[in-house]
Amino acid sequence: MSLLQGGFEAGFMMHDIVRQYAISRCPGLCQAQRGVVYALLNAGRTWPRVDRAEAGSADYYVAVHGSWHIKGALSGTVEDDMALAARLVEDLQGLAEALAIAVGTERMQTFAASAEEDWLAVRFLVAGSLPAAHGHISAPAEKDLLRQATTALRKSDGDSTANRTEIDILERRLMLEMSDLPEFLQVLGRFQELVERLLAAGVDNWQVAEKEEAMLTWVGGKK
C-alpha cells in the first residue's frame, strides 16, 4: 500500500494512522508549516477561492488544501496567532477562506473580538462567512457573521471606504434575509441609503452603477 495517495489534480491523501505517525516524527512541524504559509503570503499574488481555481493547478491546491497548512502553522492561542491571521485576511479570497476553514467560526469570532481595529474585526467576520459558499458552515452562521460585520462598520458611518464595504456585505445579506421580512426590509433600507449617499456625493464609476442597478432591482422587487 502506498503511504501517499492521490496527486496534484485530486489532492494528496494518507491514512489517518500513517498521518498521525508522520506528524509525531516531525519535530518543528509547526514552524515548517508557518514557512509554507508565509511563502504563500509573500508570493506577490492573490490566491483565488476554489470556484475560480483550475483543477490540477497550484491555485487549486492552495484553495483545497491550504487550510491544512494554516491549521498546522497556528499555535492555538489568539495572542500568538493574531499577526499571521491578520495577514491571511488582508485579501478576502482563497487564503482568508482557508483560515476560516482551518480554525472554524468560533475562533474567527474570537479573532474579531480581539482585533484592535474595527476594520480588522470586520475582515475576520467576513472571512469567517466565506466557507458557507462551499458548504463548510450553515446559512444561519453566515448570516450571523455578516450581521456582526455590518454592526461593526456602522461605527465608521460616513467613512466612504467603510460605507462601500458595508454595501458589499448588505448585498450578500439581502439574499440571506429573504425569509425574514422585517430584517430584509431593514437591510434593504440601509443598502438604499448608502447607495444613494454615494450617488449624492457624485461618485460615478461602474461599481457604483452596479450597486445602483441592484438597489433599483431590490426596491422594485419589494414593491
N, C-alpha and C. Protein backbone atom coordinates (compact mmCIF):
# COMPACT_ATOMS: atom_id res chain seq x y z
N MET A 1 0.84 -1.19 0.00
CA MET A 1 0.00 0.00 0.00
C MET A 1 0.87 1.25 0.00
N SER A 2 0.55 2.18 -0.88
CA SER A 2 1.31 3.42 -0.93
C SER A 2 1.02 4.27 0.30
N LEU A 3 2.07 4.83 0.90
CA LEU A 3 1.87 5.69 2.07
C LEU A 3 1.21 7.00 1.68
N LEU A 4 1.49 7.49 0.49
CA LEU A 4 0.92 8.74 0.00
C LEU A 4 0.11 8.44 -1.24
N GLN A 5 -1.16 8.81 -1.23
CA GLN A 5 -2.06 8.51 -2.33
C GLN A 5 -2.53 9.80 -2.99
N GLY A 6 -3.08 9.66 -4.20
CA GLY A 6 -3.62 10.81 -4.90
C GLY A 6 -2.57 11.54 -5.71
N GLY A 7 -2.83 12.81 -6.00
CA GLY A 7 -1.91 13.62 -6.80
C GLY A 7 -2.34 15.07 -6.77
N PHE A 8 -1.67 15.91 -7.56
CA PHE A 8 -1.96 17.34 -7.54
C PHE A 8 -3.38 17.63 -8.02
N GLU A 9 -3.88 16.83 -8.97
CA GLU A 9 -5.20 17.13 -9.53
C GLU A 9 -6.31 16.89 -8.52
N ALA A 10 -6.31 15.72 -7.88
CA ALA A 10 -7.37 15.38 -6.94
C ALA A 10 -6.98 15.67 -5.50
N GLY A 11 -5.68 15.92 -5.27
CA GLY A 11 -5.21 16.15 -3.91
C GLY A 11 -4.49 14.93 -3.35
N PHE A 12 -3.62 15.18 -2.37
CA PHE A 12 -2.86 14.09 -1.75
C PHE A 12 -3.57 13.64 -0.48
N MET A 13 -3.50 12.34 -0.21
CA MET A 13 -4.18 11.78 0.94
C MET A 13 -3.30 10.71 1.57
N MET A 14 -3.52 10.44 2.85
CA MET A 14 -2.90 9.30 3.50
C MET A 14 -3.81 8.81 4.62
N HIS A 15 -3.63 7.59 5.02
CA HIS A 15 -4.45 7.02 6.09
C HIS A 15 -4.19 7.80 7.38
N ASP A 16 -5.25 7.96 8.19
CA ASP A 16 -5.14 8.75 9.43
C ASP A 16 -4.01 8.25 10.33
N ILE A 17 -3.88 6.93 10.44
CA ILE A 17 -2.85 6.37 11.33
C ILE A 17 -1.45 6.74 10.82
N VAL A 18 -1.27 6.64 9.50
CA VAL A 18 0.01 7.00 8.90
C VAL A 18 0.29 8.48 9.10
N ARG A 19 -0.76 9.29 8.91
CA ARG A 19 -0.59 10.74 9.07
C ARG A 19 -0.19 11.10 10.50
N GLN A 20 -0.88 10.54 11.48
CA GLN A 20 -0.57 10.85 12.87
C GLN A 20 0.85 10.40 13.24
N TYR A 21 1.25 9.26 12.73
CA TYR A 21 2.61 8.77 13.00
C TYR A 21 3.64 9.72 12.37
N ALA A 22 3.38 10.13 11.12
CA ALA A 22 4.30 11.04 10.44
C ALA A 22 4.44 12.35 11.20
N ILE A 23 3.30 12.86 11.69
CA ILE A 23 3.33 14.12 12.45
C ILE A 23 4.14 13.96 13.72
N SER A 24 3.97 12.82 14.40
CA SER A 24 4.69 12.59 15.66
C SER A 24 6.20 12.49 15.46
N ARG A 25 6.64 12.19 14.24
CA ARG A 25 8.06 12.03 13.95
C ARG A 25 8.67 13.27 13.32
N CYS A 26 7.91 14.38 13.34
CA CYS A 26 8.39 15.61 12.67
C CYS A 26 8.50 16.75 13.68
N PRO A 27 9.60 16.84 14.42
CA PRO A 27 9.77 17.99 15.33
C PRO A 27 9.87 19.28 14.53
N GLY A 28 9.32 20.34 15.09
CA GLY A 28 9.37 21.62 14.39
C GLY A 28 8.41 21.72 13.22
N LEU A 29 7.37 20.85 13.22
CA LEU A 29 6.43 20.85 12.10
C LEU A 29 5.65 22.16 12.02
N CYS A 30 5.30 22.73 13.17
CA CYS A 30 4.56 23.99 13.17
C CYS A 30 5.35 25.09 12.46
N GLN A 31 6.64 25.18 12.75
CA GLN A 31 7.47 26.19 12.10
C GLN A 31 7.60 25.91 10.61
N ALA A 32 7.69 24.64 10.24
CA ALA A 32 7.77 24.29 8.83
C ALA A 32 6.49 24.69 8.10
N GLN A 33 5.34 24.46 8.74
CA GLN A 33 4.07 24.85 8.13
C GLN A 33 3.94 26.38 8.05
N ARG A 34 4.46 27.05 9.07
CA ARG A 34 4.46 28.52 9.01
C ARG A 34 5.29 29.00 7.82
N GLY A 35 6.39 28.31 7.56
CA GLY A 35 7.20 28.67 6.41
C GLY A 35 6.44 28.54 5.11
N VAL A 36 5.63 27.49 4.99
CA VAL A 36 4.81 27.31 3.79
C VAL A 36 3.78 28.43 3.68
N VAL A 37 3.10 28.73 4.79
CA VAL A 37 2.05 29.76 4.76
C VAL A 37 2.63 31.12 4.43
N TYR A 38 3.77 31.47 5.04
CA TYR A 38 4.38 32.76 4.73
C TYR A 38 4.87 32.82 3.29
N ALA A 39 5.31 31.67 2.74
CA ALA A 39 5.71 31.63 1.33
C ALA A 39 4.52 31.95 0.44
N LEU A 40 3.34 31.45 0.79
CA LEU A 40 2.13 31.76 0.02
C LEU A 40 1.78 33.24 0.15
N LEU A 41 1.90 33.77 1.37
CA LEU A 41 1.59 35.18 1.59
C LEU A 41 2.56 36.11 0.86
N ASN A 42 3.80 35.69 0.75
CA ASN A 42 4.83 36.54 0.16
C ASN A 42 5.04 36.27 -1.33
N ALA A 43 4.13 35.50 -1.91
CA ALA A 43 4.27 35.15 -3.33
C ALA A 43 3.96 36.32 -4.25
N GLY A 44 3.42 37.42 -3.69
CA GLY A 44 3.14 38.60 -4.51
C GLY A 44 1.96 38.42 -5.43
N ARG A 45 0.98 37.63 -5.01
CA ARG A 45 -0.19 37.38 -5.85
C ARG A 45 -1.39 37.05 -4.98
N THR A 46 -2.57 37.06 -5.58
CA THR A 46 -3.79 36.66 -4.89
C THR A 46 -4.08 35.21 -5.19
N TRP A 47 -4.33 34.44 -4.14
CA TRP A 47 -4.72 33.04 -4.31
C TRP A 47 -6.24 32.97 -4.34
N PRO A 48 -6.83 32.52 -5.45
CA PRO A 48 -8.29 32.55 -5.59
C PRO A 48 -8.97 31.49 -4.74
N ARG A 49 -10.27 31.65 -4.58
CA ARG A 49 -11.08 30.63 -3.93
C ARG A 49 -11.31 29.48 -4.91
N VAL A 50 -11.78 28.36 -4.40
CA VAL A 50 -11.79 27.13 -5.18
C VAL A 50 -12.63 27.22 -6.45
N ASP A 51 -13.72 28.00 -6.43
CA ASP A 51 -14.58 28.08 -7.60
C ASP A 51 -13.95 28.88 -8.74
N ARG A 52 -12.83 29.56 -8.46
CA ARG A 52 -12.13 30.30 -9.50
C ARG A 52 -10.74 29.71 -9.79
N ALA A 53 -10.51 28.51 -9.29
CA ALA A 53 -9.22 27.85 -9.47
C ALA A 53 -9.36 26.67 -10.44
N GLU A 54 -8.39 26.53 -11.31
CA GLU A 54 -8.42 25.43 -12.28
C GLU A 54 -7.91 24.16 -11.62
N ALA A 55 -8.67 23.07 -11.76
CA ALA A 55 -8.29 21.80 -11.16
C ALA A 55 -6.90 21.37 -11.63
N GLY A 56 -6.08 20.93 -10.69
CA GLY A 56 -4.73 20.49 -11.01
C GLY A 56 -3.68 21.58 -10.95
N SER A 57 -4.11 22.83 -10.74
CA SER A 57 -3.17 23.95 -10.69
C SER A 57 -2.72 24.20 -9.26
N ALA A 58 -1.69 25.04 -9.11
CA ALA A 58 -1.25 25.45 -7.78
C ALA A 58 -2.36 26.21 -7.07
N ASP A 59 -3.12 27.02 -7.81
CA ASP A 59 -4.26 27.74 -7.22
C ASP A 59 -5.24 26.76 -6.58
N TYR A 60 -5.51 25.68 -7.28
CA TYR A 60 -6.47 24.69 -6.79
C TYR A 60 -5.94 24.00 -5.54
N TYR A 61 -4.66 23.66 -5.55
CA TYR A 61 -4.05 23.02 -4.38
C TYR A 61 -4.19 23.93 -3.16
N VAL A 62 -3.86 25.21 -3.32
CA VAL A 62 -3.94 26.14 -2.19
C VAL A 62 -5.38 26.31 -1.73
N ALA A 63 -6.31 26.42 -2.69
CA ALA A 63 -7.72 26.61 -2.34
C ALA A 63 -8.29 25.42 -1.57
N VAL A 64 -7.90 24.21 -1.97
CA VAL A 64 -8.46 23.00 -1.36
C VAL A 64 -7.69 22.58 -0.12
N HIS A 65 -6.37 22.68 -0.16
CA HIS A 65 -5.54 22.12 0.92
C HIS A 65 -4.83 23.18 1.77
N GLY A 66 -4.98 24.44 1.41
CA GLY A 66 -4.31 25.49 2.17
C GLY A 66 -4.72 25.51 3.63
N SER A 67 -5.96 25.13 3.92
CA SER A 67 -6.43 25.15 5.31
C SER A 67 -5.62 24.21 6.20
N TRP A 68 -5.14 23.10 5.63
CA TRP A 68 -4.34 22.17 6.44
C TRP A 68 -2.97 22.76 6.78
N HIS A 69 -2.38 23.47 5.83
CA HIS A 69 -1.10 24.14 6.11
C HIS A 69 -1.29 25.21 7.18
N ILE A 70 -2.40 25.95 7.06
CA ILE A 70 -2.67 27.02 8.02
C ILE A 70 -2.95 26.43 9.41
N LYS A 71 -3.74 25.37 9.46
CA LYS A 71 -4.04 24.72 10.74
C LYS A 71 -2.76 24.26 11.42
N GLY A 72 -1.84 23.70 10.64
CA GLY A 72 -0.58 23.24 11.21
C GLY A 72 0.35 24.37 11.60
N ALA A 73 0.14 25.56 11.02
CA ALA A 73 1.02 26.70 11.29
C ALA A 73 0.62 27.49 12.54
N LEU A 74 -0.61 27.29 13.01
CA LEU A 74 -1.11 28.06 14.14
C LEU A 74 -0.81 27.35 15.46
N SER A 75 -0.54 28.15 16.48
CA SER A 75 -0.17 27.58 17.78
C SER A 75 -1.38 27.23 18.62
N GLY A 76 -2.50 27.89 18.37
CA GLY A 76 -3.71 27.62 19.14
C GLY A 76 -4.10 28.73 20.09
N THR A 77 -3.27 29.77 20.24
CA THR A 77 -3.63 30.91 21.08
C THR A 77 -3.76 32.16 20.22
N VAL A 78 -4.75 32.98 20.55
CA VAL A 78 -5.00 34.19 19.77
C VAL A 78 -3.80 35.11 19.79
N GLU A 79 -3.17 35.23 20.96
CA GLU A 79 -2.03 36.14 21.09
C GLU A 79 -0.90 35.77 20.13
N ASP A 80 -0.61 34.48 20.03
CA ASP A 80 0.48 34.03 19.17
C ASP A 80 0.11 34.02 17.70
N ASP A 81 -1.18 33.84 17.41
CA ASP A 81 -1.60 33.64 16.03
C ASP A 81 -2.17 34.88 15.36
N MET A 82 -2.42 35.95 16.11
CA MET A 82 -3.10 37.12 15.57
C MET A 82 -2.37 37.73 14.37
N ALA A 83 -1.05 37.87 14.46
CA ALA A 83 -0.31 38.54 13.38
C ALA A 83 -0.44 37.75 12.08
N LEU A 84 -0.29 36.44 12.14
CA LEU A 84 -0.42 35.62 10.94
C LEU A 84 -1.86 35.64 10.43
N ALA A 85 -2.81 35.50 11.34
CA ALA A 85 -4.22 35.51 10.94
C ALA A 85 -4.59 36.83 10.26
N ALA A 86 -4.09 37.94 10.80
CA ALA A 86 -4.38 39.25 10.21
C ALA A 86 -3.86 39.35 8.78
N ARG A 87 -2.69 38.79 8.53
CA ARG A 87 -2.16 38.81 7.17
C ARG A 87 -3.00 37.95 6.23
N LEU A 88 -3.53 36.85 6.73
CA LEU A 88 -4.31 35.95 5.89
C LEU A 88 -5.64 36.56 5.45
N VAL A 89 -6.14 37.55 6.20
CA VAL A 89 -7.42 38.17 5.81
C VAL A 89 -7.23 39.53 5.15
N GLU A 90 -5.99 39.88 4.81
CA GLU A 90 -5.78 41.14 4.10
C GLU A 90 -6.51 41.15 2.77
N ASP A 91 -6.56 40.01 2.11
CA ASP A 91 -7.26 39.84 0.85
C ASP A 91 -8.32 38.77 1.07
N LEU A 92 -9.59 39.14 0.94
CA LEU A 92 -10.67 38.21 1.29
C LEU A 92 -10.93 37.22 0.15
N GLN A 93 -9.90 36.42 -0.13
CA GLN A 93 -10.00 35.42 -1.19
C GLN A 93 -9.63 34.04 -0.63
N GLY A 94 -8.81 33.30 -1.36
CA GLY A 94 -8.56 31.91 -1.00
C GLY A 94 -7.93 31.68 0.36
N LEU A 95 -6.92 32.47 0.71
CA LEU A 95 -6.25 32.25 2.00
C LEU A 95 -7.14 32.65 3.17
N ALA A 96 -7.97 33.67 2.98
CA ALA A 96 -8.90 34.07 4.05
C ALA A 96 -9.92 32.96 4.29
N GLU A 97 -10.43 32.38 3.21
CA GLU A 97 -11.38 31.27 3.38
C GLU A 97 -10.68 30.06 3.99
N ALA A 98 -9.44 29.81 3.59
CA ALA A 98 -8.69 28.68 4.14
C ALA A 98 -8.49 28.84 5.65
N LEU A 99 -8.22 30.06 6.10
CA LEU A 99 -8.09 30.32 7.54
C LEU A 99 -9.39 29.98 8.25
N ALA A 100 -10.52 30.45 7.69
CA ALA A 100 -11.81 30.20 8.33
C ALA A 100 -12.11 28.71 8.41
N ILE A 101 -11.76 27.96 7.36
CA ILE A 101 -11.97 26.51 7.38
C ILE A 101 -11.05 25.86 8.41
N ALA A 102 -9.83 26.36 8.51
CA ALA A 102 -8.85 25.77 9.42
C ALA A 102 -9.24 25.93 10.89
N VAL A 103 -9.76 27.11 11.26
CA VAL A 103 -9.99 27.38 12.68
C VAL A 103 -11.45 27.31 13.10
N GLY A 104 -12.38 27.44 12.16
CA GLY A 104 -13.80 27.38 12.50
C GLY A 104 -14.39 28.73 12.87
N THR A 105 -15.71 28.77 12.90
CA THR A 105 -16.45 30.02 13.11
C THR A 105 -16.16 30.65 14.46
N GLU A 106 -16.18 29.85 15.52
CA GLU A 106 -16.00 30.41 16.86
C GLU A 106 -14.65 31.11 17.00
N ARG A 107 -13.61 30.50 16.44
CA ARG A 107 -12.28 31.11 16.56
C ARG A 107 -12.17 32.36 15.70
N MET A 108 -12.83 32.39 14.55
CA MET A 108 -12.83 33.61 13.73
C MET A 108 -13.50 34.75 14.50
N GLN A 109 -14.55 34.44 15.24
CA GLN A 109 -15.21 35.46 16.05
C GLN A 109 -14.30 35.91 17.19
N THR A 110 -13.51 34.98 17.73
CA THR A 110 -12.55 35.35 18.77
C THR A 110 -11.49 36.28 18.21
N PHE A 111 -10.98 35.98 17.02
CA PHE A 111 -10.03 36.88 16.37
C PHE A 111 -10.65 38.26 16.21
N ALA A 112 -11.90 38.31 15.75
CA ALA A 112 -12.58 39.59 15.53
C ALA A 112 -12.71 40.38 16.84
N ALA A 113 -13.09 39.68 17.90
CA ALA A 113 -13.27 40.34 19.19
C ALA A 113 -11.94 40.84 19.75
N SER A 114 -10.83 40.18 19.37
CA SER A 114 -9.52 40.55 19.88
C SER A 114 -8.80 41.57 19.01
N ALA A 115 -9.36 41.89 17.84
CA ALA A 115 -8.71 42.82 16.92
C ALA A 115 -8.72 44.23 17.51
N GLU A 116 -7.62 44.93 17.35
CA GLU A 116 -7.52 46.28 17.91
C GLU A 116 -8.20 47.32 17.03
N GLU A 117 -8.37 47.04 15.75
CA GLU A 117 -9.03 47.97 14.85
C GLU A 117 -10.33 47.36 14.34
N ASP A 118 -11.36 48.22 14.19
CA ASP A 118 -12.66 47.74 13.72
C ASP A 118 -12.56 47.13 12.32
N TRP A 119 -11.74 47.73 11.44
CA TRP A 119 -11.66 47.21 10.08
C TRP A 119 -11.12 45.79 10.07
N LEU A 120 -10.20 45.47 10.99
CA LEU A 120 -9.66 44.12 11.06
C LEU A 120 -10.70 43.15 11.59
N ALA A 121 -11.48 43.61 12.57
CA ALA A 121 -12.56 42.78 13.09
C ALA A 121 -13.54 42.43 11.96
N VAL A 122 -13.86 43.42 11.13
CA VAL A 122 -14.77 43.19 10.01
C VAL A 122 -14.19 42.16 9.05
N ARG A 123 -12.90 42.26 8.77
CA ARG A 123 -12.27 41.31 7.86
C ARG A 123 -12.34 39.88 8.40
N PHE A 124 -12.12 39.72 9.69
CA PHE A 124 -12.23 38.38 10.29
C PHE A 124 -13.66 37.84 10.17
N LEU A 125 -14.63 38.70 10.40
CA LEU A 125 -16.03 38.26 10.35
C LEU A 125 -16.44 37.90 8.92
N VAL A 126 -16.05 38.73 7.96
CA VAL A 126 -16.40 38.44 6.56
C VAL A 126 -15.66 37.18 6.10
N ALA A 127 -14.38 37.07 6.44
CA ALA A 127 -13.63 35.86 6.09
C ALA A 127 -14.29 34.63 6.69
N GLY A 128 -14.77 34.75 7.92
CA GLY A 128 -15.43 33.62 8.57
C GLY A 128 -16.68 33.17 7.85
N SER A 129 -17.31 34.09 7.11
CA SER A 129 -18.54 33.75 6.39
C SER A 129 -18.28 33.07 5.04
N LEU A 130 -17.07 33.18 4.51
CA LEU A 130 -16.78 32.69 3.16
C LEU A 130 -17.01 31.19 2.98
N PRO A 131 -16.67 30.34 3.95
CA PRO A 131 -16.86 28.90 3.74
C PRO A 131 -18.30 28.47 3.52
N ALA A 132 -19.27 29.35 3.80
CA ALA A 132 -20.67 28.99 3.58
C ALA A 132 -20.94 28.68 2.11
N ALA A 133 -20.22 29.36 1.22
CA ALA A 133 -20.43 29.16 -0.22
C ALA A 133 -20.09 27.75 -0.65
N HIS A 134 -19.26 27.06 0.13
CA HIS A 134 -18.83 25.71 -0.23
C HIS A 134 -19.27 24.67 0.80
N GLY A 135 -20.30 25.03 1.60
CA GLY A 135 -20.92 24.07 2.48
C GLY A 135 -20.21 23.77 3.78
N HIS A 136 -19.21 24.58 4.15
CA HIS A 136 -18.46 24.30 5.37
C HIS A 136 -19.14 24.84 6.62
N ILE A 137 -19.97 25.88 6.47
CA ILE A 137 -20.75 26.39 7.59
C ILE A 137 -22.19 26.60 7.12
N SER A 138 -23.11 26.72 8.05
CA SER A 138 -24.53 26.85 7.72
C SER A 138 -24.90 28.27 7.31
N ALA A 139 -26.05 28.41 6.66
CA ALA A 139 -26.55 29.74 6.29
C ALA A 139 -26.83 30.60 7.53
N PRO A 140 -27.41 30.05 8.61
CA PRO A 140 -27.60 30.87 9.81
C PRO A 140 -26.28 31.40 10.38
N ALA A 141 -25.22 30.58 10.35
CA ALA A 141 -23.91 31.04 10.83
C ALA A 141 -23.38 32.14 9.92
N GLU A 142 -23.56 31.98 8.62
CA GLU A 142 -23.13 33.02 7.67
C GLU A 142 -23.87 34.33 7.94
N LYS A 143 -25.18 34.25 8.13
CA LYS A 143 -25.97 35.45 8.41
C LYS A 143 -25.50 36.15 9.67
N ASP A 144 -25.24 35.37 10.71
CA ASP A 144 -24.82 35.95 11.98
C ASP A 144 -23.48 36.68 11.84
N LEU A 145 -22.55 36.09 11.13
CA LEU A 145 -21.24 36.73 10.93
C LEU A 145 -21.38 38.03 10.14
N LEU A 146 -22.21 38.02 9.11
CA LEU A 146 -22.38 39.22 8.29
C LEU A 146 -23.14 40.31 9.05
N ARG A 147 -24.07 39.90 9.90
CA ARG A 147 -24.76 40.89 10.74
C ARG A 147 -23.77 41.57 11.68
N GLN A 148 -22.89 40.77 12.29
CA GLN A 148 -21.87 41.34 13.17
C GLN A 148 -20.95 42.29 12.40
N ALA A 149 -20.61 41.92 11.17
CA ALA A 149 -19.73 42.77 10.36
C ALA A 149 -20.37 44.11 10.05
N THR A 150 -21.65 44.11 9.67
CA THR A 150 -22.30 45.38 9.36
C THR A 150 -22.47 46.24 10.62
N THR A 151 -22.71 45.59 11.75
CA THR A 151 -22.81 46.34 13.01
C THR A 151 -21.48 47.03 13.31
N ALA A 152 -20.37 46.32 13.11
CA ALA A 152 -19.05 46.91 13.35
C ALA A 152 -18.78 48.07 12.40
N LEU A 153 -19.22 47.94 11.17
CA LEU A 153 -18.98 49.00 10.18
C LEU A 153 -19.78 50.26 10.48
N ARG A 154 -20.91 50.11 11.14
CA ARG A 154 -21.74 51.29 11.47
C ARG A 154 -20.99 52.25 12.39
N LYS A 155 -19.98 51.74 13.10
CA LYS A 155 -19.19 52.62 13.96
C LYS A 155 -18.41 53.64 13.14
N SER A 156 -18.17 53.33 11.87
CA SER A 156 -17.43 54.24 10.98
C SER A 156 -18.35 54.84 9.93
N ASP A 157 -19.63 54.97 10.26
CA ASP A 157 -20.59 55.51 9.30
C ASP A 157 -20.15 56.90 8.85
N GLY A 158 -20.18 57.11 7.55
CA GLY A 158 -19.71 58.38 6.99
C GLY A 158 -18.36 58.25 6.32
N ASP A 159 -17.60 57.24 6.70
CA ASP A 159 -16.33 56.96 6.04
C ASP A 159 -16.63 56.24 4.73
N SER A 160 -16.14 56.77 3.61
CA SER A 160 -16.52 56.23 2.30
C SER A 160 -16.08 54.77 2.12
N THR A 161 -14.88 54.44 2.61
CA THR A 161 -14.40 53.06 2.48
C THR A 161 -15.26 52.11 3.29
N ALA A 162 -15.60 52.51 4.52
CA ALA A 162 -16.46 51.68 5.37
C ALA A 162 -17.84 51.51 4.75
N ASN A 163 -18.36 52.59 4.19
CA ASN A 163 -19.69 52.52 3.57
C ASN A 163 -19.71 51.62 2.35
N ARG A 164 -18.65 51.66 1.55
CA ARG A 164 -18.61 50.79 0.37
C ARG A 164 -18.49 49.33 0.78
N THR A 165 -17.68 49.07 1.81
CA THR A 165 -17.56 47.70 2.32
C THR A 165 -18.90 47.22 2.84
N GLU A 166 -19.61 48.10 3.55
CA GLU A 166 -20.92 47.73 4.10
C GLU A 166 -21.91 47.44 2.97
N ILE A 167 -21.86 48.20 1.90
CA ILE A 167 -22.75 47.96 0.76
C ILE A 167 -22.54 46.55 0.22
N ASP A 168 -21.28 46.15 0.06
CA ASP A 168 -20.98 44.81 -0.45
C ASP A 168 -21.56 43.72 0.46
N ILE A 169 -21.41 43.94 1.77
CA ILE A 169 -21.91 42.94 2.72
C ILE A 169 -23.44 42.93 2.74
N LEU A 170 -24.04 44.12 2.68
CA LEU A 170 -25.51 44.20 2.67
C LEU A 170 -26.10 43.52 1.45
N GLU A 171 -25.40 43.60 0.33
CA GLU A 171 -25.90 42.94 -0.89
C GLU A 171 -25.94 41.42 -0.69
N ARG A 172 -24.96 40.88 0.00
CA ARG A 172 -25.00 39.45 0.33
C ARG A 172 -26.13 39.15 1.31
N ARG A 173 -26.32 40.04 2.27
CA ARG A 173 -27.33 39.80 3.28
C ARG A 173 -28.75 39.83 2.71
N LEU A 174 -28.96 40.62 1.66
CA LEU A 174 -30.29 40.68 1.06
C LEU A 174 -30.76 39.30 0.61
N MET A 175 -29.86 38.51 0.04
CA MET A 175 -30.21 37.16 -0.38
C MET A 175 -30.48 36.26 0.82
N LEU A 176 -29.71 36.46 1.88
CA LEU A 176 -29.81 35.59 3.04
C LEU A 176 -31.02 35.90 3.92
N GLU A 177 -31.50 37.15 3.88
CA GLU A 177 -32.55 37.58 4.80
C GLU A 177 -33.95 37.52 4.17
N MET A 178 -34.08 36.93 3.00
CA MET A 178 -35.37 36.96 2.30
C MET A 178 -36.49 36.24 3.07
N SER A 179 -36.13 35.30 3.92
CA SER A 179 -37.15 34.58 4.69
C SER A 179 -37.57 35.33 5.95
N ASP A 180 -36.89 36.42 6.26
CA ASP A 180 -37.19 37.22 7.45
C ASP A 180 -37.53 38.63 6.98
N LEU A 181 -38.82 38.88 6.71
CA LEU A 181 -39.23 40.12 6.07
C LEU A 181 -38.81 41.37 6.83
N PRO A 182 -39.03 41.47 8.15
CA PRO A 182 -38.60 42.69 8.87
C PRO A 182 -37.10 42.95 8.73
N GLU A 183 -36.29 41.89 8.86
CA GLU A 183 -34.84 42.06 8.74
C GLU A 183 -34.47 42.41 7.30
N PHE A 184 -35.13 41.77 6.35
CA PHE A 184 -34.87 42.05 4.94
C PHE A 184 -35.14 43.52 4.63
N LEU A 185 -36.26 44.04 5.09
CA LEU A 185 -36.61 45.44 4.81
C LEU A 185 -35.63 46.40 5.47
N GLN A 186 -35.16 46.04 6.66
CA GLN A 186 -34.17 46.87 7.34
C GLN A 186 -32.86 46.90 6.56
N VAL A 187 -32.42 45.73 6.09
CA VAL A 187 -31.18 45.65 5.30
C VAL A 187 -31.34 46.41 3.99
N LEU A 188 -32.50 46.24 3.35
CA LEU A 188 -32.75 46.93 2.08
C LEU A 188 -32.73 48.44 2.27
N GLY A 189 -33.34 48.92 3.36
CA GLY A 189 -33.36 50.36 3.62
C GLY A 189 -31.95 50.91 3.81
N ARG A 190 -31.13 50.20 4.54
CA ARG A 190 -29.74 50.65 4.75
C ARG A 190 -28.95 50.59 3.45
N PHE A 191 -29.16 49.54 2.66
CA PHE A 191 -28.49 49.40 1.36
C PHE A 191 -28.86 50.58 0.46
N GLN A 192 -30.13 50.89 0.40
CA GLN A 192 -30.59 52.01 -0.43
C GLN A 192 -30.00 53.33 0.06
N GLU A 193 -29.98 53.52 1.37
CA GLU A 193 -29.43 54.74 1.96
C GLU A 193 -27.98 54.95 1.56
N LEU A 194 -27.17 53.90 1.64
CA LEU A 194 -25.75 54.03 1.36
C LEU A 194 -25.48 54.23 -0.13
N VAL A 195 -26.23 53.53 -0.98
CA VAL A 195 -26.04 53.71 -2.42
C VAL A 195 -26.43 55.14 -2.82
N GLU A 196 -27.53 55.63 -2.30
CA GLU A 196 -27.95 56.99 -2.61
C GLU A 196 -26.96 58.02 -2.07
N ARG A 197 -26.33 57.70 -0.95
CA ARG A 197 -25.31 58.59 -0.39
C ARG A 197 -24.12 58.72 -1.35
N LEU A 198 -23.70 57.60 -1.91
CA LEU A 198 -22.60 57.63 -2.89
C LEU A 198 -22.98 58.42 -4.13
N LEU A 199 -24.20 58.23 -4.59
CA LEU A 199 -24.65 58.94 -5.79
C LEU A 199 -24.72 60.45 -5.51
N ALA A 200 -25.20 60.82 -4.33
CA ALA A 200 -25.30 62.24 -3.97
C ALA A 200 -23.92 62.87 -3.85
N ALA A 201 -22.92 62.07 -3.50
CA ALA A 201 -21.55 62.58 -3.37
C ALA A 201 -20.87 62.72 -4.72
N GLY A 202 -21.55 62.32 -5.78
CA GLY A 202 -21.00 62.46 -7.12
C GLY A 202 -20.06 61.36 -7.52
N VAL A 203 -20.05 60.26 -6.77
CA VAL A 203 -19.20 59.14 -7.14
C VAL A 203 -19.79 58.49 -8.38
N ASP A 204 -19.00 58.38 -9.42
CA ASP A 204 -19.51 57.89 -10.71
C ASP A 204 -18.52 56.90 -11.30
N ASN A 205 -18.73 55.64 -11.06
CA ASN A 205 -17.92 54.61 -11.70
C ASN A 205 -18.78 53.37 -11.91
N TRP A 206 -18.23 52.37 -12.57
CA TRP A 206 -19.03 51.19 -12.91
C TRP A 206 -19.49 50.42 -11.69
N GLN A 207 -18.69 50.46 -10.61
CA GLN A 207 -19.08 49.72 -9.41
C GLN A 207 -20.30 50.35 -8.75
N VAL A 208 -20.32 51.69 -8.69
CA VAL A 208 -21.48 52.37 -8.13
C VAL A 208 -22.70 52.16 -9.02
N ALA A 209 -22.48 52.17 -10.34
CA ALA A 209 -23.58 51.92 -11.27
C ALA A 209 -24.17 50.53 -11.05
N GLU A 210 -23.30 49.55 -10.78
CA GLU A 210 -23.77 48.19 -10.49
C GLU A 210 -24.63 48.17 -9.23
N LYS A 211 -24.17 48.87 -8.20
CA LYS A 211 -24.91 48.89 -6.94
C LYS A 211 -26.25 49.63 -7.11
N GLU A 212 -26.24 50.69 -7.92
CA GLU A 212 -27.49 51.41 -8.17
C GLU A 212 -28.49 50.50 -8.88
N GLU A 213 -28.00 49.74 -9.85
CA GLU A 213 -28.88 48.81 -10.57
C GLU A 213 -29.43 47.75 -9.62
N ALA A 214 -28.55 47.23 -8.74
CA ALA A 214 -29.01 46.24 -7.77
C ALA A 214 -30.05 46.83 -6.83
N MET A 215 -29.81 48.08 -6.40
CA MET A 215 -30.76 48.75 -5.49
C MET A 215 -32.13 48.87 -6.14
N LEU A 216 -32.15 49.33 -7.40
CA LEU A 216 -33.41 49.50 -8.10
C LEU A 216 -34.13 48.17 -8.30
N THR A 217 -33.35 47.11 -8.53
CA THR A 217 -33.94 45.78 -8.69
C THR A 217 -34.59 45.32 -7.39
N TRP A 218 -33.86 45.48 -6.28
CA TRP A 218 -34.39 45.04 -4.99
C TRP A 218 -35.60 45.89 -4.56
N VAL A 219 -35.50 47.21 -4.74
CA VAL A 219 -36.62 48.09 -4.37
C VAL A 219 -37.83 47.77 -5.22
N GLY A 220 -37.61 47.55 -6.51
CA GLY A 220 -38.73 47.18 -7.39
C GLY A 220 -39.35 45.87 -6.99
N GLY A 221 -38.48 44.91 -6.57
CA GLY A 221 -38.98 43.61 -6.11
C GLY A 221 -39.80 43.73 -4.84
N LYS A 222 -39.40 44.64 -3.97
CA LYS A 222 -40.13 44.84 -2.70
C LYS A 222 -41.53 45.36 -2.98
N LYS A 223 -41.60 46.27 -3.97
CA LYS A 223 -42.92 46.83 -4.29
C LYS A 223 -43.81 45.76 -4.91
